[in-house]
Amino acid sequence: MNLSVGIDLGSTTTKALILGEDGEVLGRGITNSRSNYKVACDVALCEAMINVRFALLSAALERAGAA
């Protein structure tokens, strides 16, 4: 599965977005930038990746009829 990641690094908040192969939004993350842009990017990206994992797990459970 190919994914695309976009990060919007702002002075107040940092947002991350993960898109699937068809351009569908799979995960989102947001955090305060806290004047430490490296940490803000890491936190937002980690949050988005966790969001993707839960979305993929939920979809797999639905396909299996367990949702």
C-alpha atoms as a PDB file:
ATOM      1  CA  MET A   1       0.000   0.000   0.000  1.00  0.00           C
ATOM      2  CA  ASN A   2       1.416   3.366  -1.050  1.00  0.00           C
ATOM      3  CA  LEU A   3       0.663   6.297   1.226  1.00  0.00           C
ATOM      4  CA  SER A   4       1.274  10.022   0.911  1.00  0.00           C
ATOM      5  CA  VAL A   5       1.985  12.255   3.885  1.00  0.00           C
ATOM      6  CA  GLY A   6       1.495  16.000   4.099  1.00  0.00           C
ATOM      7  CA  ILE A   7       2.473  18.191   7.026  1.00  0.00           C
ATOM      8  CA  ASP A   8       1.312  21.775   7.560  1.00  0.00           C
ATOM      9  CA  LEU A   9       3.777  23.359   9.956  1.00  0.00           C
ATOM     10  CA  GLY A  10       2.347  26.544  11.415  1.00  0.00           C
ATOM     11  CA  SER A  11       3.357  28.910  14.166  1.00  0.00           C
ATOM     12  CA  THR A  12       0.432  27.822  16.368  1.00  0.00           C
ATOM     13  CA  THR A  13      -0.520  24.311  15.237  1.00  0.00           C
ATOM     14  CA  THR A  14       1.020  21.574  13.136  1.00  0.00           C
ATOM     15  CA  LYS A  15      -1.212  19.216  11.177  1.00  0.00           C
ATOM     16  CA  ALA A  16      -0.427  15.946   9.413  1.00  0.00           C
ATOM     17  CA  LEU A  17      -2.543  14.160   6.815  1.00  0.00           C
ATOM     18  CA  ILE A  18      -2.050  10.666   5.403  1.00  0.00           C
ATOM     19  CA  LEU A  19      -3.656   9.785   2.068  1.00  0.00           C
ATOM     20  CA  GLY A  20      -4.196   6.354   0.544  1.00  0.00           C
ATOM     21  CA  GLU A  21      -3.456   5.334  -3.032  1.00  0.00           C
ATOM     22  CA  ASP A  22      -6.779   6.711  -4.295  1.00  0.00           C
ATOM     23  CA  GLY A  23      -6.393  10.015  -2.465  1.00  0.00           C
ATOM     24  CA  GLU A  24      -8.730   9.062   0.373  1.00  0.00           C
ATOM     25  CA  VAL A  25      -7.898  10.494   3.792  1.00  0.00           C
ATOM     26  CA  LEU A  26      -6.768   7.662   6.045  1.00  0.00           C
ATOM     27  CA  GLY A  27      -5.443   9.570   9.031  1.00  0.00           C
ATOM     28  CA  ARG A  28      -5.081  13.016  10.561  1.00  0.00           C
ATOM     29  CA  GLY A  29      -3.002  14.418  13.365  1.00  0.00           C
ATOM     30  CA  ILE A  30      -2.791  17.833  14.984  1.00  0.00           C
ATOM     31  CA  THR A  31      -0.717  19.314  17.789  1.00  0.00           C
ATOM     32  CA  ASN A  32       0.470  22.653  19.125  1.00  0.00           C
ATOM     33  CA  SER A  33       3.744  23.717  17.515  1.00  0.00           C
ATOM     34  CA  ARG A  34       5.226  24.824  20.883  1.00  0.00           C
ATOM     35  CA  SER A  35       8.125  26.617  19.144  1.00  0.00           C
ATOM     36  CA  ASN A  36       9.773  23.221  18.565  1.00  0.00           C
ATOM     37  CA  TYR A  37       8.941  22.390  14.975  1.00  0.00           C
ATOM     38  CA  LYS A  38      10.739  19.037  14.836  1.00  0.00           C
ATOM     39  CA  VAL A  39       8.814  17.725  17.857  1.00  0.00           C
ATOM     40  CA  ALA A  40       5.555  19.166  16.517  1.00  0.00           C
ATOM     41  CA  CYS A  41       6.023  17.374  13.173  1.00  0.00           C
ATOM     42  CA  ASP A  42       6.878  14.113  14.931  1.00  0.00           C
ATOM     43  CA  VAL A  43       3.847  14.312  17.239  1.00  0.00           C
ATOM     44  CA  ALA A  44       1.373  15.219  14.466  1.00  0.00           C
ATOM     45  CA  LEU A  45       2.731  12.481  12.195  1.00  0.00           C
ATOM     46  CA  CYS A  46       2.628   9.880  14.979  1.00  0.00           C
ATOM     47  CA  GLU A  47      -0.971  10.816  15.782  1.00  0.00           C
ATOM     48  CA  ALA A  48      -1.925  10.514  12.094  1.00  0.00           C
ATOM     49  CA  MET A  49      -0.243   7.109  11.830  1.00  0.00           C
ATOM     50  CA  ILE A  50      -2.133   5.839  14.876  1.00  0.00           C
ATOM     51  CA  ASN A  51      -5.322   7.160  13.287  1.00  0.00           C
ATOM     52  CA  VAL A  52      -4.524   5.200  10.093  1.00  0.00           C
ATOM     53  CA  ARG A  53      -3.917   1.992  12.024  1.00  0.00           C
ATOM     54  CA  PHE A  54      -7.276   2.247  13.753  1.00  0.00           C
ATOM     55  CA  ALA A  55      -9.041   3.046  10.460  1.00  0.00           C
ATOM     56  CA  LEU A  56      -7.461   0.040   8.717  1.00  0.00           C
ATOM     57  CA  LEU A  57      -8.260  -2.234  11.672  1.00  0.00           C
ATOM     58  CA  SER A  58     -11.858  -1.040  11.723  1.00  0.00           C
ATOM     59  CA  ALA A  59     -12.210  -1.676   7.978  1.00  0.00           C
ATOM     60  CA  ALA A  60     -10.738  -5.180   8.345  1.00  0.00           C
ATOM     61  CA  LEU A  61     -13.148  -5.994  11.182  1.00  0.00           C
ATOM     62  CA  GLU A  62     -16.094  -4.788   9.086  1.00  0.00           C
ATOM     63  CA  ARG A  63     -15.010  -6.974   6.159  1.00  0.00           C
ATOM     64  CA  ALA A  64     -14.751  -9.937   8.533  1.00  0.00           C
ATOM     65  CA  GLY A  65     -18.237  -9.248   9.891  1.00  0.00           C
ATOM     66  CA  ALA A  66     -16.957  -8.589  13.402  1.00  0.00           C
ATOM     67  CA  ALA A  67     -17.794  -4.903  13.636  1.00  0.00           C
END
